[in-house]
Amino acid sequence: MKKNKSIWTNRTEALINDLHTELRLSNNNWHKYKSNKYRRAAELLASALSQIIRNGKEADIEALIQQSLCWIREEVTDPGCPSH
């Protein structure tokens, strides 16, 4: 079995992981950012970048990018609080 050599450094992988962690919505900030189109778009773009670096599926990457564009264009809105 051949070892898959990544074109990304460990630092790159750590940086995107930190960025994704920083931008993703959590239980603590959901209500604050759920409707912010730029925050939601940034979260999705960080997810797409993370998938690129981790050799994710192209269809998944494209879907994340498309969803981020929908947020920027205000074609989608927040789905509401999951617990309500």
PDB file of N, CA and C in Angstrom:
ATOM      1  N   MET A   1       0.850  -1.185   0.000  1.00  0.00           N
ATOM      2  CA  MET A   1       0.000   0.000   0.000  1.00  0.00           C
ATOM      3  C   MET A   1       0.891   1.242   0.000  1.00  0.00           C
ATOM      4  N   LYS A   2       0.643   2.131  -0.945  1.00  0.00           N
ATOM      5  CA  LYS A   2       1.437   3.342  -1.042  1.00  0.00           C
ATOM      6  C   LYS A   2       0.965   4.371  -0.028  1.00  0.00           C
ATOM      7  N   LYS A   3       1.902   5.086   0.529  1.00  0.00           N
ATOM      8  CA  LYS A   3       1.566   6.151   1.470  1.00  0.00           C
ATOM      9  C   LYS A   3       1.188   7.404   0.683  1.00  0.00           C
ATOM     10  N   ASN A   4       0.041   7.965   0.988  1.00  0.00           N
ATOM     11  CA  ASN A   4      -0.430   9.162   0.304  1.00  0.00           C
ATOM     12  C   ASN A   4       0.268  10.378   0.893  1.00  0.00           C
ATOM     13  N   LYS A   5       1.133  10.993   0.114  1.00  0.00           N
ATOM     14  CA  LYS A   5       1.845  12.176   0.587  1.00  0.00           C
ATOM     15  C   LYS A   5       0.986  13.406   0.350  1.00  0.00           C
ATOM     16  N   SER A   6       0.750  14.129   1.393  1.00  0.00           N
ATOM     17  CA  SER A   6      -0.070  15.326   1.309  1.00  0.00           C
ATOM     18  C   SER A   6       0.749  16.489   0.765  1.00  0.00           C
ATOM     19  N   ILE A   7       0.087  17.350   0.000  1.00  0.00           N
ATOM     20  CA  ILE A   7       0.749  18.561  -0.471  1.00  0.00           C
ATOM     21  C   ILE A   7       0.676  19.655   0.592  1.00  0.00           C
ATOM     22  N   TRP A   8      -0.039  19.380   1.685  1.00  0.00           N
ATOM     23  CA  TRP A   8      -0.233  20.353   2.745  1.00  0.00           C
ATOM     24  C   TRP A   8       0.681  20.029   3.923  1.00  0.00           C
ATOM     25  N   THR A   9       1.199  21.057   4.545  1.00  0.00           N
ATOM     26  CA  THR A   9       2.030  20.856   5.729  1.00  0.00           C
ATOM     27  C   THR A   9       1.152  20.606   6.948  1.00  0.00           C
ATOM     28  N   ASN A  10       1.757  20.079   7.978  1.00  0.00           N
ATOM     29  CA  ASN A  10       1.023  19.895   9.242  1.00  0.00           C
ATOM     30  C   ASN A  10       0.530  21.231   9.763  1.00  0.00           C
ATOM     31  N   ARG A  11       1.302  22.280   9.567  1.00  0.00           N
ATOM     32  CA  ARG A  11       0.902  23.622  10.014  1.00  0.00           C
ATOM     33  C   ARG A  11      -0.347  24.086   9.271  1.00  0.00           C
ATOM     34  N   THR A  12      -0.389  23.841   7.971  1.00  0.00           N
ATOM     35  CA  THR A  12      -1.567  24.208   7.189  1.00  0.00           C
ATOM     36  C   THR A  12      -2.800  23.501   7.728  1.00  0.00           C
ATOM     37  N   GLU A  13      -2.665  22.204   7.977  1.00  0.00           N
ATOM     38  CA  GLU A  13      -3.789  21.436   8.506  1.00  0.00           C
ATOM     39  C   GLU A  13      -4.222  21.947   9.877  1.00  0.00           C
ATOM     40  N   ALA A  14      -3.263  22.299  10.710  1.00  0.00           N
ATOM     41  CA  ALA A  14      -3.589  22.827  12.038  1.00  0.00           C
ATOM     42  C   ALA A  14      -4.272  24.190  11.931  1.00  0.00           C
ATOM     43  N   LEU A  15      -3.794  25.026  11.019  1.00  0.00           N
ATOM     44  CA  LEU A  15      -4.380  26.358  10.855  1.00  0.00           C
ATOM     45  C   LEU A  15      -5.827  26.282  10.376  1.00  0.00           C
ATOM     46  N   ILE A  16      -6.101  25.427   9.391  1.00  0.00           N
ATOM     47  CA  ILE A  16      -7.478  25.333   8.910  1.00  0.00           C
ATOM     48  C   ILE A  16      -8.371  24.726   9.976  1.00  0.00           C
ATOM     49  N   ASN A  17      -7.838  23.808  10.757  1.00  0.00           N
ATOM     50  CA  ASN A  17      -8.625  23.246  11.853  1.00  0.00           C
ATOM     51  C   ASN A  17      -8.974  24.328  12.875  1.00  0.00           C
ATOM     52  N   ASP A  18      -7.997  25.162  13.211  1.00  0.00           N
ATOM     53  CA  ASP A  18      -8.248  26.259  14.148  1.00  0.00           C
ATOM     54  C   ASP A  18      -9.258  27.258  13.582  1.00  0.00           C
ATOM     55  N   LEU A  19      -9.112  27.592  12.300  1.00  0.00           N
ATOM     56  CA  LEU A  19     -10.041  28.532  11.667  1.00  0.00           C
ATOM     57  C   LEU A  19     -11.458  27.960  11.645  1.00  0.00           C
ATOM     58  N   HIS A  20     -11.567  26.712  11.262  1.00  0.00           N
ATOM     59  CA  HIS A  20     -12.886  26.081  11.215  1.00  0.00           C
ATOM     60  C   HIS A  20     -13.519  26.050  12.605  1.00  0.00           C
ATOM     61  N   THR A  21     -12.728  25.719  13.611  1.00  0.00           N
ATOM     62  CA  THR A  21     -13.227  25.697  14.987  1.00  0.00           C
ATOM     63  C   THR A  21     -13.679  27.084  15.428  1.00  0.00           C
ATOM     64  N   GLU A  22     -12.917  28.094  15.051  1.00  0.00           N
ATOM     65  CA  GLU A  22     -13.244  29.475  15.426  1.00  0.00           C
ATOM     66  C   GLU A  22     -14.538  29.955  14.767  1.00  0.00           C
ATOM     67  N   LEU A  23     -14.768  29.568  13.533  1.00  0.00           N
ATOM     68  CA  LEU A  23     -15.898  30.100  12.782  1.00  0.00           C
ATOM     69  C   LEU A  23     -17.197  29.308  12.909  1.00  0.00           C
ATOM     70  N   ARG A  24     -17.121  28.055  13.258  1.00  0.00           N
ATOM     71  CA  ARG A  24     -18.342  27.254  13.269  1.00  0.00           C
ATOM     72  C   ARG A  24     -19.268  27.668  14.416  1.00  0.00           C
ATOM     73  N   LEU A  25     -20.536  27.541  14.148  1.00  0.00           N
ATOM     74  CA  LEU A  25     -21.534  27.860  15.154  1.00  0.00           C
ATOM     75  C   LEU A  25     -21.591  26.731  16.173  1.00  0.00           C
ATOM     76  N   SER A  26     -21.842  27.111  17.405  1.00  0.00           N
ATOM     77  CA  SER A  26     -21.928  26.140  18.487  1.00  0.00           C
ATOM     78  C   SER A  26     -23.159  26.460  19.326  1.00  0.00           C
ATOM     79  N   ASN A  27     -23.396  25.648  20.328  1.00  0.00           N
ATOM     80  CA  ASN A  27     -24.509  25.915  21.247  1.00  0.00           C
ATOM     81  C   ASN A  27     -24.344  27.258  21.940  1.00  0.00           C
ATOM     82  N   ASN A  28     -23.095  27.691  22.122  1.00  0.00           N
ATOM     83  CA  ASN A  28     -22.833  28.942  22.839  1.00  0.00           C
ATOM     84  C   ASN A  28     -23.067  30.188  22.000  1.00  0.00           C
ATOM     85  N   ASN A  29     -22.945  30.091  20.669  1.00  0.00           N
ATOM     86  CA  ASN A  29     -23.074  31.305  19.858  1.00  0.00           C
ATOM     87  C   ASN A  29     -24.160  31.205  18.778  1.00  0.00           C
ATOM     88  N   TRP A  30     -24.935  30.127  18.805  1.00  0.00           N
ATOM     89  CA  TRP A  30     -25.959  29.917  17.785  1.00  0.00           C
ATOM     90  C   TRP A  30     -26.915  31.105  17.655  1.00  0.00           C
ATOM     91  N   HIS A  31     -27.486  31.539  18.756  1.00  0.00           N
ATOM     92  CA  HIS A  31     -28.468  32.621  18.707  1.00  0.00           C
ATOM     93  C   HIS A  31     -27.845  33.948  18.269  1.00  0.00           C
ATOM     94  N   LYS A  32     -26.601  34.143  18.590  1.00  0.00           N
ATOM     95  CA  LYS A  32     -25.920  35.390  18.239  1.00  0.00           C
ATOM     96  C   LYS A  32     -25.639  35.470  16.734  1.00  0.00           C
ATOM     97  N   TYR A  33     -25.250  34.361  16.116  1.00  0.00           N
ATOM     98  CA  TYR A  33     -24.786  34.395  14.730  1.00  0.00           C
ATOM     99  C   TYR A  33     -25.677  33.668  13.722  1.00  0.00           C
ATOM    100  N   LYS A  34     -26.757  33.043  14.148  1.00  0.00           N
ATOM    101  CA  LYS A  34     -27.546  32.190  13.258  1.00  0.00           C
ATOM    102  C   LYS A  34     -28.083  32.916  12.027  1.00  0.00           C
ATOM    103  N   SER A  35     -28.293  34.205  12.121  1.00  0.00           N
ATOM    104  CA  SER A  35     -28.855  34.962  11.004  1.00  0.00           C
ATOM    105  C   SER A  35     -27.831  35.840  10.291  1.00  0.00           C
ATOM    106  N   ASN A  36     -26.590  35.821  10.744  1.00  0.00           N
ATOM    107  CA  ASN A  36     -25.569  36.675  10.138  1.00  0.00           C
ATOM    108  C   ASN A  36     -25.038  36.011   8.870  1.00  0.00           C
ATOM    109  N   LYS A  37     -25.385  36.592   7.740  1.00  0.00           N
ATOM    110  CA  LYS A  37     -25.048  35.959   6.463  1.00  0.00           C
ATOM    111  C   LYS A  37     -23.547  35.846   6.246  1.00  0.00           C
ATOM    112  N   TYR A  38     -22.790  36.793   6.724  1.00  0.00           N
ATOM    113  CA  TYR A  38     -21.340  36.729   6.536  1.00  0.00           C
ATOM    114  C   TYR A  38     -20.708  35.674   7.442  1.00  0.00           C
ATOM    115  N   ARG A  39     -21.200  35.576   8.644  1.00  0.00           N
ATOM    116  CA  ARG A  39     -20.690  34.559   9.562  1.00  0.00           C
ATOM    117  C   ARG A  39     -21.014  33.162   9.033  1.00  0.00           C
ATOM    118  N   ARG A  40     -22.232  32.978   8.554  1.00  0.00           N
ATOM    119  CA  ARG A  40     -22.635  31.675   8.026  1.00  0.00           C
ATOM    120  C   ARG A  40     -21.840  31.332   6.764  1.00  0.00           C
ATOM    121  N   ALA A  41     -21.645  32.313   5.880  1.00  0.00           N
ATOM    122  CA  ALA A  41     -20.869  32.074   4.660  1.00  0.00           C
ATOM    123  C   ALA A  41     -19.420  31.738   5.003  1.00  0.00           C
ATOM    124  N   ALA A  42     -18.845  32.449   5.955  1.00  0.00           N
ATOM    125  CA  ALA A  42     -17.459  32.184   6.359  1.00  0.00           C
ATOM    126  C   ALA A  42     -17.321  30.784   6.950  1.00  0.00           C
ATOM    127  N   GLU A  43     -18.295  30.395   7.752  1.00  0.00           N
ATOM    128  CA  GLU A  43     -18.287  29.050   8.341  1.00  0.00           C
ATOM    129  C   GLU A  43     -18.295  27.988   7.241  1.00  0.00           C
ATOM    130  N   LEU A  44     -19.131  28.167   6.251  1.00  0.00           N
ATOM    131  CA  LEU A  44     -19.231  27.199   5.156  1.00  0.00           C
ATOM    132  C   LEU A  44     -17.973  27.190   4.291  1.00  0.00           C
ATOM    133  N   LEU A  45     -17.396  28.357   4.053  1.00  0.00           N
ATOM    134  CA  LEU A  45     -16.165  28.417   3.256  1.00  0.00           C
ATOM    135  C   LEU A  45     -14.993  27.778   3.994  1.00  0.00           C
ATOM    136  N   ALA A  46     -14.932  27.968   5.304  1.00  0.00           N
ATOM    137  CA  ALA A  46     -13.891  27.306   6.096  1.00  0.00           C
ATOM    138  C   ALA A  46     -14.078  25.793   6.046  1.00  0.00           C
ATOM    139  N   SER A  47     -15.311  25.348   6.058  1.00  0.00           N
ATOM    140  CA  SER A  47     -15.591  23.916   5.936  1.00  0.00           C
ATOM    141  C   SER A  47     -15.140  23.395   4.576  1.00  0.00           C
ATOM    142  N   ALA A  48     -15.416  24.163   3.528  1.00  0.00           N
ATOM    143  CA  ALA A  48     -14.998  23.761   2.182  1.00  0.00           C
ATOM    144  C   ALA A  48     -13.476  23.691   2.096  1.00  0.00           C
ATOM    145  N   LEU A  49     -12.802  24.692   2.632  1.00  0.00           N
ATOM    146  CA  LEU A  49     -11.343  24.695   2.628  1.00  0.00           C
ATOM    147  C   LEU A  49     -10.790  23.521   3.417  1.00  0.00           C
ATOM    148  N   SER A  50     -11.404  23.219   4.522  1.00  0.00           N
ATOM    149  CA  SER A  50     -11.004  22.067   5.318  1.00  0.00           C
ATOM    150  C   SER A  50     -11.147  20.774   4.517  1.00  0.00           C
ATOM    151  N   GLN A  51     -12.244  20.659   3.772  1.00  0.00           N
ATOM    152  CA  GLN A  51     -12.460  19.478   2.942  1.00  0.00           C
ATOM    153  C   GLN A  51     -11.429  19.387   1.821  1.00  0.00           C
ATOM    154  N   ILE A  52     -11.076  20.519   1.244  1.00  0.00           N
ATOM    155  CA  ILE A  52     -10.045  20.525   0.192  1.00  0.00           C
ATOM    156  C   ILE A  52      -8.730  20.000   0.745  1.00  0.00           C
ATOM    157  N   ILE A  53      -8.339  20.504   1.888  1.00  0.00           N
ATOM    158  CA  ILE A  53      -7.065  20.114   2.490  1.00  0.00           C
ATOM    159  C   ILE A  53      -7.077  18.656   2.926  1.00  0.00           C
ATOM    160  N   ARG A  54      -8.233  18.147   3.296  1.00  0.00           N
ATOM    161  CA  ARG A  54      -8.332  16.754   3.771  1.00  0.00           C
ATOM    162  C   ARG A  54      -8.765  15.783   2.667  1.00  0.00           C
ATOM    163  N   ASN A  55      -8.657  16.226   1.407  1.00  0.00           N
ATOM    164  CA  ASN A  55      -9.001  15.393   0.254  1.00  0.00           C
ATOM    165  C   ASN A  55     -10.456  14.936   0.274  1.00  0.00           C
ATOM    166  N   GLY A  56     -11.345  15.873   0.604  1.00  0.00           N
ATOM    167  CA  GLY A  56     -12.766  15.560   0.617  1.00  0.00           C
ATOM    168  C   GLY A  56     -13.316  15.369  -0.786  1.00  0.00           C
ATOM    169  N   LYS A  57     -14.551  14.954  -0.847  1.00  0.00           N
ATOM    170  CA  LYS A  57     -15.218  14.736  -2.133  1.00  0.00           C
ATOM    171  C   LYS A  57     -15.527  16.078  -2.785  1.00  0.00           C
ATOM    172  N   GLU A  58     -15.257  16.154  -4.079  1.00  0.00           N
ATOM    173  CA  GLU A  58     -15.485  17.406  -4.805  1.00  0.00           C
ATOM    174  C   GLU A  58     -16.936  17.859  -4.726  1.00  0.00           C
ATOM    175  N   ALA A  59     -17.864  16.932  -4.789  1.00  0.00           N
ATOM    176  CA  ALA A  59     -19.287  17.291  -4.722  1.00  0.00           C
ATOM    177  C   ALA A  59     -19.615  17.943  -3.373  1.00  0.00           C
ATOM    178  N   ASP A  60     -19.033  17.438  -2.300  1.00  0.00           N
ATOM    179  CA  ASP A  60     -19.269  18.021  -0.972  1.00  0.00           C
ATOM    180  C   ASP A  60     -18.669  19.421  -0.888  1.00  0.00           C
ATOM    181  N   ILE A  61     -17.486  19.589  -1.453  1.00  0.00           N
ATOM    182  CA  ILE A  61     -16.815  20.898  -1.447  1.00  0.00           C
ATOM    183  C   ILE A  61     -17.650  21.912  -2.228  1.00  0.00           C
ATOM    184  N   GLU A  62     -18.090  21.511  -3.409  1.00  0.00           N
ATOM    185  CA  GLU A  62     -18.911  22.400  -4.228  1.00  0.00           C
ATOM    186  C   GLU A  62     -20.223  22.763  -3.532  1.00  0.00           C
ATOM    187  N   ALA A  63     -20.819  21.814  -2.852  1.00  0.00           N
ATOM    188  CA  ALA A  63     -22.079  22.077  -2.141  1.00  0.00           C
ATOM    189  C   ALA A  63     -21.868  23.098  -1.023  1.00  0.00           C
ATOM    190  N   LEU A  64     -20.766  22.992  -0.308  1.00  0.00           N
ATOM    191  CA  LEU A  64     -20.472  23.957   0.761  1.00  0.00           C
ATOM    192  C   LEU A  64     -20.255  25.360   0.185  1.00  0.00           C
ATOM    193  N   ILE A  65     -19.535  25.439  -0.913  1.00  0.00           N
ATOM    194  CA  ILE A  65     -19.298  26.737  -1.551  1.00  0.00           C
ATOM    195  C   ILE A  65     -20.606  27.321  -2.069  1.00  0.00           C
ATOM    196  N   GLN A  66     -21.423  26.493  -2.690  1.00  0.00           N
ATOM    197  CA  GLN A  66     -22.717  26.958  -3.199  1.00  0.00           C
ATOM    198  C   GLN A  66     -23.609  27.446  -2.061  1.00  0.00           C
ATOM    199  N   GLN A  67     -23.630  26.723  -0.958  1.00  0.00           N
ATOM    200  CA  GLN A  67     -24.442  27.126   0.193  1.00  0.00           C
ATOM    201  C   GLN A  67     -23.954  28.471   0.748  1.00  0.00           C
ATOM    202  N   SER A  68     -22.632  28.673   0.757  1.00  0.00           N
ATOM    203  CA  SER A  68     -22.105  29.955   1.254  1.00  0.00           C
ATOM    204  C   SER A  68     -22.552  31.099   0.349  1.00  0.00           C
ATOM    205  N   LEU A  69     -22.578  30.865  -0.956  1.00  0.00           N
ATOM    206  CA  LEU A  69     -23.059  31.887  -1.884  1.00  0.00           C
ATOM    207  C   LEU A  69     -24.536  32.188  -1.650  1.00  0.00           C
ATOM    208  N   CYS A  70     -25.305  31.167  -1.342  1.00  0.00           N
ATOM    209  CA  CYS A  70     -26.732  31.376  -1.043  1.00  0.00           C
ATOM    210  C   CYS A  70     -26.907  32.275   0.177  1.00  0.00           C
ATOM    211  N   TRP A  71     -26.063  32.095   1.188  1.00  0.00           N
ATOM    212  CA  TRP A  71     -26.138  32.961   2.369  1.00  0.00           C
ATOM    213  C   TRP A  71     -25.785  34.397   2.005  1.00  0.00           C
ATOM    214  N   ILE A  72     -24.712  34.580   1.239  1.00  0.00           N
ATOM    215  CA  ILE A  72     -24.292  35.934   0.857  1.00  0.00           C
ATOM    216  C   ILE A  72     -25.374  36.628   0.041  1.00  0.00           C
ATOM    217  N   ARG A  73     -26.010  35.888  -0.844  1.00  0.00           N
ATOM    218  CA  ARG A  73     -27.075  36.447  -1.700  1.00  0.00           C
ATOM    219  C   ARG A  73     -28.417  36.551  -0.986  1.00  0.00           C
ATOM    220  N   GLU A  74     -28.454  36.095   0.261  1.00  0.00           N
ATOM    221  CA  GLU A  74     -29.673  36.081   1.063  1.00  0.00           C
ATOM    222  C   GLU A  74     -30.771  35.229   0.428  1.00  0.00           C
ATOM    223  N   GLU A  75     -30.357  34.137  -0.190  1.00  0.00           N
ATOM    224  CA  GLU A  75     -31.306  33.196  -0.777  1.00  0.00           C
ATOM    225  C   GLU A  75     -31.752  32.153   0.252  1.00  0.00           C
ATOM    226  N   VAL A  76     -31.070  32.097   1.390  1.00  0.00           N
ATOM    227  CA  VAL A  76     -31.450  31.221   2.489  1.00  0.00           C
ATOM    228  C   VAL A  76     -31.454  32.043   3.768  1.00  0.00           C
ATOM    229  N   THR A  77     -32.191  31.540   4.746  1.00  0.00           N
ATOM    230  CA  THR A  77     -32.195  32.162   6.058  1.00  0.00           C
ATOM    231  C   THR A  77     -31.999  31.087   7.092  1.00  0.00           C
ATOM    232  N   ASP A  78     -31.778  31.495   8.325  1.00  0.00           N
ATOM    233  CA  ASP A  78     -31.561  30.507   9.373  1.00  0.00           C
ATOM    234  C   ASP A  78     -32.808  29.648   9.576  1.00  0.00           C
ATOM    235  N   PRO A  79     -32.621  28.371   9.864  1.00  0.00           N
ATOM    236  CA  PRO A  79     -33.760  27.478  10.009  1.00  0.00           C
ATOM    237  C   PRO A  79     -34.455  27.581  11.355  1.00  0.00           C
ATOM    238  N   GLY A  80     -33.969  28.428  12.225  1.00  0.00           N
ATOM    239  CA  GLY A  80     -34.548  28.534  13.553  1.00  0.00           C
ATOM    240  C   GLY A  80     -33.823  27.657  14.548  1.00  0.00           C
ATOM    241  N   CYS A  81     -34.152  27.802  15.780  1.00  0.00           N
ATOM    242  CA  CYS A  81     -33.504  27.057  16.836  1.00  0.00           C
ATOM    243  C   CYS A  81     -33.887  25.580  16.760  1.00  0.00           C
ATOM    244  N   PRO A  82     -32.892  24.693  16.714  1.00  0.00           N
ATOM    245  CA  PRO A  82     -33.201  23.259  16.595  1.00  0.00           C
ATOM    246  C   PRO A  82     -34.038  22.692  17.750  1.00  0.00           C
ATOM    247  N   SER A  83     -33.992  23.325  18.909  1.00  0.00           N
ATOM    248  CA  SER A  83     -34.718  22.781  20.057  1.00  0.00           C
ATOM    249  C   SER A  83     -36.152  23.306  20.161  1.00  0.00           C
ATOM    250  N   HIS A  84     -36.572  24.162  19.241  1.00  0.00           N
ATOM    251  CA  HIS A  84     -37.934  24.706  19.301  1.00  0.00           C
ATOM    252  C   HIS A  84     -38.779  24.165  18.199  1.00  0.00           C
TER     253      HIS A  84
END
